[in-house]
């Protein structure tokens, strides 16, 4: 079974999907994306989400 990975950043709307996953009891991991240094625009992150949006 695959475990979902939720990429989150402080100040984003990431709490909404986090709560939803917790409520439906789906196992997941979170990974912090540091928006203050524009980590969401790194080549590695853009492979996951080409729009560079958080959360994903």
Foldseek 3Di string as FASTA:
>chain_A
DDAAEKEAEPPDPSVVVVVVCVVVVGHHHYDYQYPVVPSLPDPVNCVVPVVSDPTD
